[in-house]
Structures are given as structure tokens and as C-alpha cells.
Amino acid sequence: MSDVIVGGGGVIGLTIAWELASAGLKVCVLEQSQFGREASWAGAGMIPPGDLLHPATHQLAVLSTQLWPEISAVLRQQTGLSNGYRRCGGLLLEDRRSVPEIAAAWQERHIFAEVLDTRRIQEREPAFSAATETAVWLPDMAQVRNPRHMKALQAACIQLGVELRPEEKVVRWERGRNNTIAAIVTERNRFSAAEYVVAAGAWSARLLALLNIHLPIEPVHGQMLLFHAEAPLFQHVIEQGSRYLVPRDDGRILVGATEERIGFEKRNTSETTTQLREFAISRIPALTNVPLEQQWSGFRPGCDLGHPVLGRSAEIDNLLIAAGHFRAGLSNSPGTALLMRQLILGEPTTIDLAGFQS
């Protein structure tokens, strides 16, 4: 019997498992397919220094930003694997809000942000299109290479004795006495623990519906492109609304992403590929002749509440929920895992969780 069973083997679930195992708990992680192969792998690995959409998620983002250097260093020390974390800075462009409005919104949240004109943009990023008149300079934007981070997390969990169980699709829960869960049943096995955590990303609503708990979490499909230049063309994350370019230090450039509510249907379309390529070239003209190396899509866990759900279930005493992070699952995983550990160990939480309730 485990101390804690985590349902979901993406970056949220594995980081929670690592945190709990580091505290000496016996942890089992159930994943319906393979570990870290959905949104955790498919995303671009951007780590913004805060969040403009919701006060609670801003607090979570600030907490996570503070934890990322430490978690990256500890994982590397423990496993010998680098996740590629680096503070690269970002340039944010006008979208629904003007550049001055975007800068003011960050400044109101006590995050340094500066408006740059064309000359100063070119000084920071010579490859950037000279047609861009203004941008917000966000020096505390960071990034991580998410596939490498997932490998390091899995290796660290294994070293700490976490039981990782792939291909374990949950089919039902067994209820216990006094408003508790007694066990979780998959297509192949039955597992029991003292505490249970649902952290299954876009599939969390399905898992919770088996307990008659209904949260407005659904998959939001996103398409991505990967270009591979012979050498790095630029160094900063470039973001315009939901679209972005993320440069890796080996010359690869991630370009994304769409937001499509089409259910659990993975696809890449030629129309979107063309649109994303044109967006990328309009910002970095040197990408014109750079070959497309790969394209893929994934499912983000969109939540109609406007924020993730974090905390203990109001319906079941030994159930915790960490779901609905939408585009910020990877970036907010360190803070989420810390908060889950604090709840399970009965410690005060670093930030107030009242803003994360359903």
C-alpha cells in the first residue's frame, strides 16, 4: 500500500510524486499511456515571471518562478541530467492590448517590464523584424527544454523509489468508510493508498467524473512547429497573444500555438502550418529558408473557471486535485507540487489556496 497515489504522469503528477518522495513518502503514479508524452512534452517550455489573467495564478506563477532555478539544480545533481533551464528574457508584442497596456499590467504586478522602440528592439535582438515599432521587454522570462525536464523527473522519481505504472487506465474508484476512497481500479490492477491526487491534465475531468465530481476542464488542442537552423538566430522568447517563438541554444526554434476546442482529436493541418510559419517569418525574417524539422499537437487542460483547481476535494476527505492549468502546467509545476506536499503533510501552504477552489 502506498502513502499517496497520483493519477496522471505528466509534469504536474511527476513533480508532485518527486516532492512527496523527497519528503520520505511512498508514492505510486498511474498513467494511462506513457509518462510525460502529452502536454508536458508537446509544449514549448516557457516560464513567465507571473500571470496577467488571474490574481491567484499570478501568485502561483511567482512562486514557481522562484523555485525553478533550485529544482533544476537539484534534478541535475540527483540525476546528472540537465533540463536546459535558462533565463533568456522575452519580447512581448501587441495583441488584444497595446504594448504600453501590456507593460503596465506587468508593472502593476511588480514585475519589471519596459517598453522598447524599434532601435532598442534591434539592439537586443538584431534578427527581429525592423517593421516592429514597439515591444515589451520582460527580462525575467525563462525557458526549460520540457522533454529533457521530463526525463530528469522520471529518473529522479525512480531513484527515490516512486512506483511508476504506465498503461494503467483508471476505470473506477472504490469508496471507503467515512467519506473516503479505499482504492483506485485500472483495467489491469487495483491500487490503494492513504491519499489520492488527481493530476491528469486534460483527462482530469474524466477521472473525477467517475467519482461524480464535475469540473469544467476540457482538452484545448494546440499545434506546434519545430524549425532547425544551423546556428541560433535569436535568443529571446517572442510572444504575441497565444502565439510564440522559443529559441533553443542548439538552433532549434519552437513556433506555436493554436487553441482549438475539438475534443481529444490530434491533428496537424496544412493551413495552420502555413499560418504559424508566416507568423514566425514575419517576426524573424531569417527563418525564411530554415527547414521545418517536425510538427505535432497536444492537449492543454483548459478550465472554464479561469484558474486551475488546487487543494483538497470538498466531497472526499482523502482526495486532492491539481488540475486545469491550461497553458501553464509546466511553468507552474514546481509551485503546484510544493503546495500539494504541504497539504498532504499538514503544513501551512506558501500561498493562500482560496483562489483555486471550484
Protein backbone atom coordinates (compact mmCIF):
# COMPACT_ATOMS: atom_id res chain seq x y z
CA MET A 1 0.00 0.00 0.00
CA SER A 2 1.29 3.45 -0.90
CA ASP A 3 1.10 6.60 1.16
CA VAL A 4 -0.05 8.53 -1.92
CA ILE A 5 -1.30 7.53 -5.36
CA VAL A 6 -1.04 10.18 -8.06
CA GLY A 7 -3.35 9.81 -11.06
CA GLY A 8 -1.53 11.33 -14.03
CA GLY A 9 2.04 11.01 -15.25
CA GLY A 10 2.61 14.41 -16.82
CA VAL A 11 4.80 17.16 -15.42
CA ILE A 12 2.33 18.04 -12.64
CA GLY A 13 1.92 14.43 -11.48
CA LEU A 14 5.62 13.57 -11.64
CA THR A 15 6.70 16.75 -9.87
CA ILE A 16 4.19 16.07 -7.09
CA ALA A 17 5.49 12.50 -6.82
CA TRP A 18 9.10 13.73 -6.66
CA GLU A 19 8.25 16.28 -3.96
CA LEU A 20 6.43 13.70 -1.87
CA ALA A 21 9.11 11.04 -2.29
CA SER A 22 11.75 13.61 -1.35
CA ALA A 23 9.82 14.06 1.90
CA GLY A 24 10.03 10.32 2.58
CA LEU A 25 6.56 9.22 1.42
CA LYS A 26 5.87 6.06 -0.55
CA VAL A 27 4.34 7.17 -3.85
CA CYS A 28 2.79 5.43 -6.85
CA VAL A 29 1.99 7.23 -10.13
CA LEU A 30 -0.61 5.82 -12.52
CA GLU A 31 -0.52 6.92 -16.17
CA GLN A 32 -3.00 5.77 -18.81
CA SER A 33 -0.37 5.83 -21.60
CA GLN A 34 3.34 6.71 -21.37
CA PHE A 35 4.82 9.16 -18.91
CA GLY A 36 5.13 12.78 -19.97
CA ARG A 37 4.06 12.29 -23.58
CA GLU A 38 1.11 14.67 -23.72
CA ALA A 39 1.05 18.43 -23.00
CA SER A 40 4.17 18.13 -20.83
CA TRP A 41 6.17 17.02 -23.86
CA ALA A 42 4.31 18.96 -26.54
CA GLY A 43 4.68 22.46 -25.10
CA ALA A 44 7.46 24.99 -25.61
CA GLY A 45 8.72 25.20 -22.04
CA MET A 46 8.20 28.93 -21.48
CA ILE A 47 8.38 30.14 -17.87
CA PRO A 48 6.89 33.63 -17.47
CA PRO A 49 7.63 35.52 -14.24
CA GLY A 50 3.94 35.92 -13.46
CA ASP A 51 0.44 35.75 -14.88
CA LEU A 52 -1.79 38.54 -16.18
CA LEU A 53 -5.04 36.57 -16.28
CA HIS A 54 -5.90 35.87 -12.63
CA PRO A 55 -4.57 37.06 -9.24
CA ALA A 56 -4.34 33.52 -7.85
CA THR A 57 -2.47 32.12 -10.84
CA HIS A 58 -0.13 35.10 -10.68
CA GLN A 59 0.80 34.10 -7.12
CA LEU A 60 1.36 30.52 -8.27
CA ALA A 61 3.50 31.67 -11.19
CA VAL A 62 5.65 33.90 -8.96
CA LEU A 63 6.16 31.03 -6.52
CA SER A 64 7.08 28.64 -9.34
CA THR A 65 9.46 31.16 -10.93
CA GLN A 66 11.31 31.38 -7.63
CA LEU A 67 11.55 27.58 -7.41
CA TRP A 68 12.69 26.82 -10.98
CA PRO A 69 16.44 27.51 -10.53
CA GLU A 70 16.55 25.34 -7.41
CA ILE A 71 14.50 22.46 -8.80
CA SER A 72 16.63 22.44 -11.96
CA ALA A 73 19.88 22.37 -9.98
CA VAL A 74 18.66 19.63 -7.63
CA LEU A 75 17.45 17.44 -10.50
CA ARG A 76 20.80 17.81 -12.26
CA GLN A 77 22.70 17.00 -9.08
CA GLN A 78 20.49 13.98 -8.39
CA THR A 79 20.36 12.53 -11.91
CA GLY A 80 23.20 14.10 -13.89
CA LEU A 81 20.62 15.31 -16.44
CA SER A 82 20.20 18.96 -17.43
CA ASN A 83 16.72 20.22 -18.22
CA GLY A 84 18.07 23.22 -20.14
CA TYR A 85 16.65 25.81 -17.77
CA ARG A 86 17.83 29.33 -18.56
CA ARG A 87 16.65 32.90 -18.02
CA CYS A 88 16.51 34.12 -21.62
CA GLY A 89 14.20 37.14 -21.42
CA GLY A 90 11.20 37.83 -23.61
CA LEU A 91 9.80 40.33 -26.08
CA LEU A 92 6.01 40.72 -25.95
CA LEU A 93 4.10 42.23 -28.86
CA GLU A 94 0.77 43.98 -29.16
CA ASP A 95 -2.24 41.69 -29.36
CA ARG A 96 -5.62 42.47 -27.80
CA ARG A 97 -3.81 45.03 -25.65
CA SER A 98 -1.37 47.68 -26.73
CA VAL A 99 2.30 47.44 -25.81
CA PRO A 100 2.01 50.18 -23.12
CA GLU A 101 -1.03 48.39 -21.65
CA ILE A 102 0.85 45.08 -21.51
CA ALA A 103 3.84 46.73 -19.82
CA ALA A 104 1.58 48.49 -17.31
CA ALA A 105 -0.20 45.23 -16.46
CA TRP A 106 3.13 43.55 -15.62
CA GLN A 107 4.31 46.57 -13.66
CA GLU A 108 1.10 46.55 -11.61
CA ARG A 109 2.08 43.02 -10.57
CA HIS A 110 5.53 44.23 -9.54
CA ILE A 111 7.27 42.51 -12.46
CA PHE A 112 9.89 44.54 -14.31
CA ALA A 113 8.70 45.35 -17.83
CA GLU A 114 9.97 48.02 -20.20
CA VAL A 115 8.64 49.41 -23.49
CA LEU A 116 11.25 49.33 -26.26
CA ASP A 117 11.16 51.21 -29.56
CA THR A 118 12.44 49.79 -32.86
CA ARG A 119 16.04 50.85 -32.27
CA ARG A 120 16.21 49.29 -28.82
CA ILE A 121 14.47 46.13 -30.01
CA GLN A 122 17.13 45.79 -32.72
CA GLU A 123 19.88 46.35 -30.15
CA ARG A 124 18.60 43.48 -28.04
CA GLU A 125 17.56 41.22 -30.91
CA PRO A 126 19.19 42.10 -34.26
CA ALA A 127 17.32 39.29 -36.06
CA PHE A 128 13.96 40.79 -35.13
CA SER A 129 11.88 42.35 -37.90
CA ALA A 130 12.62 46.05 -38.28
CA ALA A 131 8.95 46.58 -39.08
CA THR A 132 8.05 46.11 -35.42
CA GLU A 133 7.76 49.52 -33.79
CA THR A 134 7.38 48.63 -30.11
CA ALA A 135 7.64 45.64 -27.79
CA VAL A 136 7.65 44.92 -24.06
CA TRP A 137 11.00 43.76 -22.70
CA LEU A 138 10.46 41.16 -19.97
CA PRO A 139 13.94 40.21 -18.71
CA ASP A 140 12.73 37.59 -16.22
CA MET A 141 11.14 35.33 -18.84
CA ALA A 142 12.82 31.90 -18.71
CA GLN A 143 12.57 28.58 -20.50
CA VAL A 144 13.21 24.89 -20.00
CA ARG A 145 13.55 22.08 -22.54
CA ASN A 146 10.49 20.14 -21.46
CA PRO A 147 11.38 16.70 -22.92
CA ARG A 148 14.70 16.86 -21.07
CA HIS A 149 12.95 18.02 -17.92
CA MET A 150 10.56 15.08 -18.10
CA LYS A 151 13.47 12.64 -18.46
CA ALA A 152 15.16 14.15 -15.42
CA LEU A 153 11.94 14.00 -13.40
CA GLN A 154 11.34 10.35 -14.25
CA ALA A 155 14.93 9.44 -13.40
CA ALA A 156 14.71 11.32 -10.09
CA CYS A 157 11.43 9.63 -9.18
CA ILE A 158 12.89 6.20 -9.89
CA GLN A 159 15.94 6.97 -7.76
CA LEU A 160 13.66 7.90 -4.86
CA GLY A 161 11.64 4.69 -5.17
CA VAL A 162 8.50 6.11 -6.77
CA GLU A 163 6.48 3.34 -8.41
CA LEU A 164 5.79 4.43 -11.98
CA ARG A 165 2.98 2.48 -13.62
CA PRO A 166 2.36 3.27 -17.33
CA GLU A 167 -0.57 1.87 -19.31
CA GLU A 168 -2.86 1.90 -16.27
CA LYS A 169 -6.14 3.41 -17.40
CA VAL A 170 -8.46 4.06 -14.47
CA VAL A 171 -11.93 2.53 -14.82
CA ARG A 172 -13.40 3.10 -11.36
CA TRP A 173 -12.81 4.09 -7.77
CA GLU A 174 -13.74 2.10 -4.68
CA ARG A 175 -15.33 4.15 -1.94
CA GLY A 176 -14.35 3.55 1.67
CA ARG A 177 -15.84 4.44 5.00
CA ASN A 178 -16.33 7.95 6.35
CA ASN A 179 -16.34 9.72 3.01
CA THR A 180 -13.02 8.37 1.74
CA ILE A 181 -11.58 6.47 -1.22
CA ALA A 182 -10.44 2.92 -0.49
CA ALA A 183 -8.84 2.08 -3.84
CA ILE A 184 -8.44 3.04 -7.47
CA VAL A 185 -9.02 0.35 -10.09
CA THR A 186 -7.46 0.27 -13.55
CA GLU A 187 -8.08 -2.03 -16.49
CA ARG A 188 -5.38 -4.33 -15.10
CA ASN A 189 -4.89 -3.73 -11.37
CA ARG A 190 -6.21 -2.40 -8.09
CA PHE A 191 -4.19 0.15 -6.08
CA SER A 192 -4.77 1.52 -2.60
CA ALA A 193 -3.25 4.37 -0.60
CA ALA A 194 -3.90 6.72 2.29
CA GLU A 195 -4.22 9.74 -0.03
CA TYR A 196 -5.06 10.21 -3.73
CA VAL A 197 -4.15 13.07 -6.07
CA VAL A 198 -5.81 13.69 -9.44
CA ALA A 199 -3.31 15.43 -11.72
CA ALA A 200 -4.25 14.03 -15.12
CA GLY A 201 -4.16 17.19 -17.21
CA ALA A 202 -6.84 17.30 -19.91
CA TRP A 203 -8.13 13.90 -18.71
CA SER A 204 -8.72 15.04 -15.11
CA ALA A 205 -12.43 15.70 -15.65
CA ARG A 206 -12.92 12.11 -16.86
CA LEU A 207 -11.16 10.74 -13.79
CA LEU A 208 -13.18 12.90 -11.41
CA ALA A 209 -16.48 12.18 -13.17
CA LEU A 210 -16.07 8.56 -12.04
CA LEU A 211 -16.49 9.97 -8.51
CA ASN A 212 -19.44 12.14 -9.56
CA ILE A 213 -17.25 15.23 -9.22
CA HIS A 214 -17.69 17.51 -12.19
CA LEU A 215 -15.15 20.19 -13.08
CA PRO A 216 -15.23 22.33 -16.26
CA ILE A 217 -11.91 21.02 -17.60
CA GLU A 218 -11.63 20.08 -21.27
CA PRO A 219 -8.89 19.49 -23.84
CA VAL A 220 -7.70 22.50 -25.82
CA HIS A 221 -5.86 21.30 -28.90
CA GLY A 222 -2.66 23.10 -29.87
CA GLN A 223 -0.47 22.67 -32.97
CA MET A 224 3.30 23.28 -32.90
CA LEU A 225 6.16 23.59 -35.38
CA LEU A 226 9.89 22.97 -34.87
CA PHE A 227 12.50 24.59 -37.12
CA HIS A 228 16.19 23.74 -37.04
CA ALA A 229 18.70 26.42 -38.03
CA GLU A 230 22.41 25.69 -38.35
CA ALA A 231 23.11 28.16 -35.53
CA PRO A 232 20.95 30.15 -33.09
CA LEU A 233 19.21 33.02 -34.88
CA PHE A 234 17.89 34.87 -31.82
CA GLN A 235 17.94 34.47 -28.06
CA HIS A 236 14.71 35.82 -26.56
CA VAL A 237 11.25 34.29 -26.33
CA ILE A 238 8.91 36.24 -28.64
CA GLU A 239 5.24 36.23 -27.69
CA GLN A 240 2.17 37.78 -29.28
CA GLY A 241 -1.06 36.72 -27.61
CA SER A 242 -1.33 32.94 -27.88
CA ARG A 243 1.47 32.68 -30.48
CA TYR A 244 5.16 32.50 -29.72
CA LEU A 245 8.67 31.64 -30.87
CA VAL A 246 11.05 29.95 -28.43
CA PRO A 247 14.73 29.66 -29.41
CA ARG A 248 16.83 26.77 -28.12
CA ASP A 249 20.58 27.08 -27.74
CA ASP A 250 21.23 24.47 -30.47
CA GLY A 251 19.49 26.43 -33.25
CA ARG A 252 16.07 24.84 -32.92
CA ILE A 253 13.06 27.16 -32.79
CA LEU A 254 9.63 26.19 -31.49
CA VAL A 255 6.68 28.03 -33.02
CA GLY A 256 3.16 27.79 -31.66
CA ALA A 257 0.42 27.52 -30.95
CA THR A 258 -3.26 27.20 -31.75
CA GLU A 259 -6.16 26.94 -29.33
CA GLU A 260 -8.83 24.61 -30.71
CA ARG A 261 -11.70 23.06 -28.77
CA ILE A 262 -12.19 19.91 -30.84
CA GLY A 263 -12.15 17.27 -28.13
CA PHE A 264 -9.49 14.57 -27.99
CA GLU A 265 -8.63 14.74 -31.69
CA LYS A 266 -4.94 15.15 -32.57
CA ARG A 267 -4.13 16.59 -35.95
CA ASN A 268 -1.84 18.96 -37.78
CA THR A 269 -3.32 20.90 -40.67
CA SER A 270 -1.54 22.47 -43.64
CA GLU A 271 -3.48 25.69 -43.09
CA THR A 272 -2.22 26.07 -39.53
CA THR A 273 1.31 25.09 -40.54
CA THR A 274 1.28 27.88 -43.13
CA GLN A 275 -0.13 30.41 -40.66
CA LEU A 276 2.43 29.59 -37.97
CA ARG A 277 5.29 29.64 -40.48
CA GLU A 278 4.18 33.05 -41.78
CA PHE A 279 3.91 34.38 -38.23
CA ALA A 280 7.43 33.16 -37.43
CA ILE A 281 8.96 34.65 -40.58
CA SER A 282 7.18 37.97 -40.03
CA ARG A 283 8.95 38.27 -36.69
CA ILE A 284 12.30 36.68 -37.57
CA PRO A 285 12.84 37.07 -41.35
CA ALA A 286 15.98 34.89 -41.20
CA LEU A 287 13.64 31.90 -40.72
CA THR A 288 12.50 32.16 -44.36
CA ASN A 289 14.76 29.37 -45.62
CA VAL A 290 15.14 27.40 -42.40
CA PRO A 291 13.76 23.86 -42.79
CA LEU A 292 10.81 22.59 -40.79
CA GLU A 293 12.13 19.66 -38.77
CA GLN A 294 8.97 18.43 -37.07
CA GLN A 295 5.37 19.29 -36.21
CA TRP A 296 3.00 17.90 -33.62
CA SER A 297 -0.03 18.71 -31.48
CA GLY A 298 -1.20 18.16 -27.93
CA PHE A 299 -4.00 18.79 -25.44
CA ARG A 300 -3.87 21.51 -22.82
CA PRO A 301 -6.23 21.21 -19.84
CA GLY A 302 -8.45 24.24 -20.30
CA CYS A 303 -10.56 25.20 -17.29
CA ASP A 304 -13.62 27.46 -17.63
CA LEU A 305 -13.04 28.74 -14.10
CA GLY A 306 -10.11 30.77 -15.40
CA HIS A 307 -7.69 29.15 -12.95
CA PRO A 308 -6.54 25.65 -12.01
CA VAL A 309 -8.22 23.73 -9.21
CA LEU A 310 -5.78 23.08 -6.37
CA GLY A 311 -6.50 21.62 -2.98
CA ARG A 312 -8.44 19.00 -1.10
CA SER A 313 -11.75 17.86 -2.50
CA ALA A 314 -14.79 19.19 -0.70
CA GLU A 315 -16.57 15.88 -1.37
CA ILE A 316 -13.95 13.27 -0.40
CA ASP A 317 -11.59 13.60 2.54
CA ASN A 318 -8.52 11.81 1.16
CA LEU A 319 -8.70 13.19 -2.38
CA LEU A 320 -6.66 16.15 -3.65
CA ILE A 321 -6.96 17.83 -7.04
CA ALA A 322 -4.24 19.57 -9.06
CA ALA A 323 -5.76 20.14 -12.48
CA GLY A 324 -6.80 22.71 -15.08
CA HIS A 325 -3.51 24.59 -15.54
CA PHE A 326 -4.25 25.26 -19.24
CA ARG A 327 -1.08 26.74 -20.83
CA ALA A 328 0.85 26.95 -17.54
CA GLY A 329 1.17 23.33 -16.44
CA LEU A 330 4.90 23.01 -16.92
CA SER A 331 5.75 26.54 -15.80
CA ASN A 332 3.64 26.26 -12.62
CA SER A 333 4.53 22.67 -11.78
CA PRO A 334 7.12 23.46 -9.06
CA GLY A 335 4.71 25.64 -7.08
CA THR A 336 1.83 23.20 -7.56
CA ALA A 337 3.90 20.28 -6.29
CA LEU A 338 5.10 22.22 -3.26
CA LEU A 339 1.53 23.14 -2.33
CA MET A 340 0.32 19.54 -2.70
CA ARG A 341 3.16 18.33 -0.49
CA GLN A 342 2.32 20.93 2.14
CA LEU A 343 -1.36 19.92 2.14
CA ILE A 344 -0.61 16.20 2.42
CA LEU A 345 1.91 16.72 5.22
CA GLY A 346 -0.44 19.08 7.07
CA GLU A 347 1.85 22.09 6.72
CA PRO A 348 0.81 25.70 6.14
CA THR A 349 0.70 26.47 2.42
CA THR A 350 3.09 29.03 1.00
CA ILE A 351 0.24 30.86 -0.76
CA ASP A 352 -3.47 31.02 0.01
CA LEU A 353 -5.42 28.40 -1.95
CA ALA A 354 -8.79 30.15 -1.64
CA GLY A 355 -8.48 31.44 -5.21
CA PHE A 356 -8.06 27.92 -6.61
CA GLN A 357 -11.32 26.39 -5.49
CA SER A 358 -14.00 25.03 -7.80
